[in-house]
Amino acid sequence: MRTFLTVMLFCFLSTADAQEQLFWYLEGTKAGFKDGKGDVVIKPTFVFADKFSEGLAGAGKGEDMFSALYGFINTKGDWVIQPQFNAVGQFTDGLARVSKDGNWGYIDKNGKIAITPIYDLCYEFENGYAQAQKKGKWGIINKKGEWIIAPTYYDLTNVSKDKILATKKDLYTTPWEIMDLKEKKLSDSTFDRVKDFNEGLAPARDKNDKYGFINSKGQWIIQPQFTNAEPFAEGLAAVEIDYGNWGFIDASGKVVIEPKYDRSASFINGFAFVERIGKHMYINKEGEIVLALD
C-alpha cells in the first residue's frame, strides 16, 4: 500500500523554494537533514528520520532501527514527543500512527493516545479516514477509531476526497473493485491491482500486467502501458517503463520527466527523491537536480 521509499524521504518547510527546504540524507547509518545549499541543518544522529508533516517528523533513537525507540522532532532537531514507541508514521489530520507493544494506534501532537493501539497495522489519515487491519483483514476507520467499513477485506486503498476506494475481498478468487463507503459497487470494471486514488485518478493494472490510470467510475483515463505506476501527486505521477526505468507523466499521460531513474518517490512541495546508477538526488518538476546526496 505504500511506496518502497518509506525511510528515504525528505522534509519540507512552508515554501517551495529549494533554498528553504530541508532534505533527508544519510551519513553512514544515521539520518539527518540538509538545506538546498547542501549545508547540514539537523545533524545525522537518528537511526531513522521520516519526512516532516504538520511541523513534526518521526525519528528513531538507538543503536539500530530494530532496537530503537521512536518519537517526533521539530525542524530544529529537538524532541517534541520523546522516543517511546516501537515505530511511528506521519502526522496528518492532527494524528500520527504509532506502534506500541505490537499494536498500532494514533496519538495527537501532545503525544497523548487519541485512538487506542488495537490494530495489527494502520496507515495515515487521508480525507478523514484511514486504512486499518485487524486479524489480518483490512477495513476503514474514522478519527474516533470507529469502523466505517468492517475489516473483512484482503486489501483496500485509501479513501479519496469524493469518498471512493478500491477493495479486494480475498487473495486468490476476487479482483479489485471500485466502491463507496457504503460498500456499493460503482463500476462493473474489475482490475488485477489498484493503488491509492489521488487527484481524481488511481494506478490500476490490467490482465496483461500493464498499469494505467482509472477514474472513480473505473474508466481508463490513461491507457495501460507501464510496468508499474504510483499515484499522482502535485500533478505528476511516477511511472516505470520496461521494468527499471522510472520517470514522470502528467494527467494527460504525457511524459514530463524522462524515464531514466532506477527508482523514484512522488513529488512533495515541488521536489522528488530519485536514484540513478547508485546515486541519490532530489529533482524539481523540470527534472533538474536540486541536491545531489552522493
Protein backbone atom coordinates (compact mmCIF):
# COMPACT_ATOMS: atom_id res chain seq x y z
CA MET A 1 0.00 0.00 0.00
CA ARG A 2 2.92 2.30 0.31
CA THR A 3 5.91 3.06 -1.92
CA PHE A 4 9.36 1.49 -1.45
CA LEU A 5 10.91 4.68 -0.05
CA THR A 6 9.33 4.50 3.40
CA VAL A 7 12.55 5.63 5.03
CA MET A 8 14.22 7.55 2.22
CA LEU A 9 12.02 10.60 2.43
CA PHE A 10 12.68 14.28 2.92
CA CYS A 11 11.13 17.06 4.92
CA PHE A 12 9.94 20.40 3.68
CA LEU A 13 9.23 23.69 5.36
CA SER A 14 6.44 26.03 4.26
CA THR A 15 7.64 27.24 0.86
CA ALA A 16 8.67 25.54 -2.37
CA ASP A 17 12.00 27.38 -2.65
CA ALA A 18 14.81 24.82 -2.63
CA GLN A 19 16.93 27.13 -0.51
CA GLU A 20 14.36 26.96 2.29
CA GLN A 21 13.75 23.21 2.24
CA LEU A 22 15.13 20.52 4.47
CA PHE A 23 16.27 17.40 2.66
CA TRP A 24 16.73 13.99 4.25
CA TYR A 25 20.19 12.41 3.91
CA LEU A 26 22.28 9.56 5.33
CA GLU A 27 25.77 9.65 6.77
CA GLY A 28 26.81 6.09 7.39
CA THR A 29 23.78 4.57 9.09
CA LYS A 30 22.46 7.79 10.65
CA ALA A 31 19.93 10.20 9.14
CA GLY A 32 19.87 13.99 9.26
CA PHE A 33 18.72 16.94 7.14
CA LYS A 34 20.40 19.42 4.81
CA ASP A 35 19.17 22.62 3.24
CA GLY A 36 19.10 23.34 -0.50
CA LYS A 37 22.72 24.53 -0.39
CA GLY A 38 23.82 21.18 0.99
CA ASP A 39 24.59 22.58 4.45
CA VAL A 40 23.70 20.42 7.45
CA VAL A 41 20.72 21.81 9.37
CA ILE A 42 19.97 18.80 11.58
CA LYS A 43 22.97 16.58 12.32
CA PRO A 44 22.74 12.90 11.35
CA THR A 45 22.14 11.41 14.79
CA PHE A 46 18.97 9.41 14.14
CA VAL A 47 18.76 5.76 13.13
CA PHE A 48 15.58 6.71 11.28
CA ALA A 49 14.08 10.01 10.14
CA ASP A 50 10.88 10.45 8.17
CA LYS A 51 9.64 13.48 6.25
CA PHE A 52 8.24 16.45 8.13
CA SER A 53 4.47 16.70 8.18
CA GLU A 54 2.48 19.29 10.11
CA GLY A 55 5.75 20.57 11.58
CA LEU A 56 6.98 17.27 13.03
CA ALA A 57 8.94 14.28 11.77
CA GLY A 58 9.18 10.77 13.12
CA ALA A 59 12.70 9.85 14.25
CA GLY A 60 14.44 6.93 15.93
CA LYS A 61 16.94 6.91 18.79
CA GLY A 62 19.13 3.88 19.45
CA GLU A 63 21.83 1.65 18.02
CA ASP A 64 19.80 0.39 15.06
CA MET A 65 16.31 0.62 13.56
CA PHE A 66 15.17 -2.66 15.08
CA SER A 67 16.01 -1.91 18.72
CA ALA A 68 15.42 1.86 18.57
CA LEU A 69 12.61 3.79 20.21
CA TYR A 70 10.75 6.34 18.10
CA GLY A 71 9.29 9.78 18.72
CA PHE A 72 8.92 13.09 16.88
CA ILE A 73 11.31 16.01 16.32
CA ASN A 74 10.78 19.60 15.18
CA THR A 75 12.65 21.38 12.39
CA LYS A 76 15.48 22.22 14.82
CA GLY A 77 16.01 18.54 15.56
CA ASP A 78 14.63 18.81 19.12
CA TRP A 79 12.45 16.06 20.54
CA VAL A 80 8.85 17.28 20.83
CA ILE A 81 7.44 13.82 21.57
CA GLN A 82 10.06 11.72 23.33
CA PRO A 83 11.13 8.39 21.76
CA GLN A 84 8.88 5.78 23.37
CA PHE A 85 7.25 3.86 20.52
CA ASN A 86 8.33 0.80 18.54
CA ALA A 87 7.53 2.56 15.25
CA VAL A 88 5.83 5.75 14.07
CA GLY A 89 4.25 7.24 10.95
CA GLN A 90 3.48 10.82 9.94
CA PHE A 91 1.14 13.46 11.31
CA THR A 92 -1.90 14.00 9.09
CA ASP A 93 -5.22 15.49 10.17
CA GLY A 94 -3.59 16.16 13.55
CA LEU A 95 -2.91 12.48 14.30
CA ALA A 96 0.06 10.15 13.80
CA ARG A 97 0.08 6.38 13.79
CA VAL A 98 2.33 4.70 16.36
CA SER A 99 3.19 1.14 17.32
CA LYS A 100 3.33 0.08 20.96
CA ASP A 101 3.83 -3.49 22.19
CA GLY A 102 2.96 -4.97 18.82
CA ASN A 103 -0.24 -2.99 18.19
CA TRP A 104 -0.90 0.19 16.20
CA GLY A 105 -2.97 3.22 17.16
CA TYR A 106 -2.79 7.02 16.94
CA ILE A 107 -1.50 9.91 19.04
CA ASP A 108 -2.13 13.66 18.93
CA LYS A 109 0.57 16.36 18.79
CA ASN A 110 0.86 16.33 22.57
CA GLY A 111 1.88 12.69 22.41
CA LYS A 112 -1.38 11.55 24.01
CA ILE A 113 -3.18 8.44 22.77
CA ALA A 114 -6.07 9.53 20.53
CA ILE A 115 -7.05 6.09 19.22
CA THR A 116 -6.11 3.11 21.36
CA PRO A 117 -3.47 0.80 19.79
CA ILE A 118 -5.63 -2.20 18.92
CA TYR A 119 -4.80 -2.68 15.22
CA ASP A 120 -2.41 -5.13 13.57
CA LEU A 121 -1.40 -2.26 11.29
CA CYS A 122 -2.82 1.07 10.19
CA TYR A 123 -1.91 3.95 7.90
CA GLU A 124 -2.10 7.75 7.86
CA PHE A 125 -5.44 9.53 7.82
CA GLU A 126 -6.46 10.97 4.47
CA ASN A 127 -9.67 12.91 3.96
CA GLY A 128 -10.81 11.95 7.46
CA TYR A 129 -10.36 8.19 7.07
CA ALA A 130 -7.59 5.63 7.49
CA GLN A 131 -6.91 2.04 6.48
CA ALA A 132 -6.66 -0.30 9.48
CA GLN A 133 -6.04 -4.03 9.83
CA LYS A 134 -7.49 -6.40 12.42
CA LYS A 135 -6.92 -10.17 12.50
CA GLY A 136 -5.26 -9.99 9.08
CA LYS A 137 -8.16 -8.20 7.37
CA TRP A 138 -8.43 -4.57 6.29
CA GLY A 139 -11.18 -2.02 6.85
CA ILE A 140 -11.66 1.75 7.12
CA ILE A 141 -11.85 3.75 10.36
CA ASN A 142 -12.76 7.35 11.16
CA LYS A 143 -10.90 9.67 13.56
CA LYS A 144 -12.81 8.24 16.50
CA GLY A 145 -11.46 4.80 15.71
CA GLU A 146 -14.89 3.57 14.61
CA TRP A 147 -15.15 1.06 11.77
CA ILE A 148 -16.77 2.71 8.74
CA ILE A 149 -16.00 -0.38 6.67
CA ALA A 150 -15.57 -3.52 8.77
CA PRO A 151 -12.22 -5.36 8.49
CA THR A 152 -13.29 -8.05 6.03
CA TYR A 153 -11.03 -7.31 3.05
CA TYR A 154 -7.74 -8.83 1.99
CA ASP A 155 -6.62 -5.37 0.81
CA LEU A 156 -8.01 -1.91 0.07
CA THR A 157 -6.87 1.57 -0.87
CA ASN A 158 -7.19 4.93 0.82
CA VAL A 159 -10.47 6.88 0.70
CA SER A 160 -10.39 9.62 -1.94
CA LYS A 161 -11.76 13.15 -1.49
CA ASP A 162 -15.01 12.06 -3.12
CA LYS A 163 -15.17 9.10 -0.68
CA ILE A 164 -14.27 6.41 -3.22
CA LEU A 165 -11.92 3.47 -2.67
CA ALA A 166 -10.87 0.20 -4.28
CA THR A 167 -11.11 -3.15 -2.48
CA LYS A 168 -10.05 -6.76 -2.89
CA LYS A 169 -12.09 -9.27 -0.91
CA ASP A 170 -9.65 -12.17 -0.85
CA LEU A 171 -6.25 -13.09 -2.23
CA TYR A 172 -7.00 -15.62 -4.94
CA THR A 173 -10.59 -15.51 -6.22
CA THR A 174 -11.68 -11.88 -6.37
CA PRO A 175 -10.43 -8.93 -8.43
CA TRP A 176 -10.11 -5.32 -7.31
CA GLU A 177 -13.38 -3.35 -7.44
CA ILE A 178 -14.39 0.32 -7.04
CA MET A 179 -16.91 1.17 -4.31
CA ASP A 180 -18.12 3.89 -1.94
CA LEU A 181 -18.05 3.94 1.87
CA LYS A 182 -21.37 2.09 1.99
CA GLU A 183 -19.63 -0.71 0.04
CA LYS A 184 -21.76 -0.08 -3.02
CA LYS A 185 -20.05 -1.07 -6.28
CA LEU A 186 -19.62 1.91 -8.58
CA SER A 187 -18.39 0.11 -11.68
CA ASP A 188 -18.67 -3.26 -13.38
CA SER A 189 -15.00 -2.98 -14.33
CA THR A 190 -12.51 -5.02 -12.31
CA PHE A 191 -8.73 -4.95 -12.10
CA ASP A 192 -5.75 -7.10 -11.17
CA ARG A 193 -4.45 -4.31 -8.90
CA VAL A 194 -5.48 -0.81 -7.86
CA LYS A 195 -3.37 1.62 -5.84
CA ASP A 196 -4.42 4.74 -3.95
CA PHE A 197 -6.71 7.34 -5.51
CA ASN A 198 -5.23 10.82 -5.64
CA GLU A 199 -6.10 13.89 -7.69
CA GLY A 200 -9.05 12.00 -9.14
CA LEU A 201 -7.07 9.07 -10.54
CA ALA A 202 -5.63 5.76 -9.33
CA PRO A 203 -2.94 3.49 -10.83
CA ALA A 204 -4.52 0.22 -11.94
CA ARG A 205 -3.17 -2.96 -13.54
CA ASP A 206 -4.97 -4.88 -16.27
CA LYS A 207 -4.89 -8.60 -17.03
CA ASN A 208 -1.87 -8.10 -19.30
CA ASP A 209 0.18 -6.90 -16.31
CA LYS A 210 0.27 -3.30 -17.53
CA TYR A 211 -0.53 -0.23 -15.46
CA GLY A 212 -2.61 2.76 -16.48
CA PHE A 213 -4.82 5.17 -14.55
CA ILE A 214 -8.55 4.97 -13.86
CA ASN A 215 -11.14 7.40 -12.52
CA SER A 216 -13.66 6.71 -9.74
CA LYS A 217 -16.00 5.07 -12.28
CA GLY A 218 -13.37 2.52 -13.20
CA GLN A 219 -12.79 4.06 -16.64
CA TRP A 220 -9.32 4.12 -18.17
CA ILE A 221 -8.19 7.75 -18.39
CA ILE A 222 -4.59 6.81 -19.20
CA GLN A 223 -4.42 3.50 -21.00
CA PRO A 224 -2.41 0.57 -19.53
CA GLN A 225 1.14 0.81 -20.87
CA PHE A 226 3.51 0.93 -17.89
CA THR A 227 5.22 -1.87 -15.98
CA ASN A 228 4.49 -0.05 -12.72
CA ALA A 229 3.00 3.24 -11.57
CA GLU A 230 2.43 5.28 -8.41
CA PRO A 231 -0.41 7.69 -7.52
CA PHE A 232 -0.47 11.26 -8.76
CA ALA A 233 0.99 13.96 -6.52
CA GLU A 234 1.18 17.65 -7.42
CA GLY A 235 0.07 16.93 -10.97
CA LEU A 236 2.70 14.29 -11.75
CA ALA A 237 2.85 10.50 -11.33
CA ALA A 238 5.91 8.27 -11.23
CA VAL A 239 5.72 5.52 -13.85
CA GLU A 240 8.04 2.67 -14.82
CA ILE A 241 8.90 1.77 -18.40
CA ASP A 242 10.30 -1.67 -19.29
CA TYR A 243 10.99 -2.79 -15.73
CA GLY A 244 13.56 -0.47 -14.22
CA ASN A 245 13.24 2.94 -15.89
CA TRP A 246 11.23 5.43 -13.84
CA GLY A 247 10.04 8.85 -14.97
CA PHE A 248 7.02 11.11 -14.54
CA ILE A 249 3.85 11.79 -16.54
CA ASP A 250 1.14 14.44 -16.28
CA ALA A 251 -2.61 13.80 -16.04
CA SER A 252 -2.90 13.56 -19.83
CA GLY A 253 -0.36 10.72 -19.89
CA LYS A 254 2.36 12.87 -21.44
CA VAL A 255 5.93 12.11 -20.31
CA VAL A 256 7.18 15.19 -18.46
CA ILE A 257 10.41 13.80 -16.98
CA GLU A 258 12.27 11.18 -18.98
CA PRO A 259 12.14 7.62 -17.56
CA LYS A 260 15.81 7.23 -16.71
CA TYR A 261 15.83 6.62 -12.95
CA ASP A 262 16.26 3.26 -11.24
CA ARG A 263 13.75 4.30 -8.56
CA SER A 264 11.71 7.37 -7.67
CA ALA A 265 9.39 8.72 -5.00
CA SER A 266 6.46 11.06 -5.54
CA PHE A 267 6.71 14.84 -5.64
CA ILE A 268 6.16 16.74 -2.40
CA ASN A 269 6.28 20.55 -2.36
CA GLY A 270 7.86 20.58 -5.80
CA PHE A 271 10.65 18.04 -5.29
CA ALA A 272 11.09 14.27 -5.71
CA PHE A 273 13.72 11.87 -4.39
CA VAL A 274 15.22 9.67 -7.13
CA GLU A 275 18.03 7.15 -7.60
CA ARG A 276 20.14 6.60 -10.71
CA ILE A 277 23.06 4.17 -11.03
CA GLY A 278 23.51 4.06 -7.26
CA LYS A 279 23.39 7.86 -6.90
CA HIS A 280 20.66 9.57 -4.89
CA MET A 281 19.36 13.07 -5.53
CA TYR A 282 16.39 15.41 -5.38
CA ILE A 283 14.94 16.80 -8.60
CA ASN A 284 12.41 19.54 -9.38
CA LYS A 285 9.47 19.29 -11.78
CA GLU A 286 11.71 20.18 -14.72
CA GLY A 287 13.85 17.14 -13.96
CA GLU A 288 16.74 19.32 -12.80
CA ILE A 289 18.94 18.15 -9.92
CA VAL A 290 18.34 20.36 -6.89
CA LEU A 291 20.55 18.49 -4.44
CA ALA A 292 22.88 15.51 -5.04
CA LEU A 293 23.43 13.35 -1.95
CA ASP A 294 26.28 11.15 -3.22
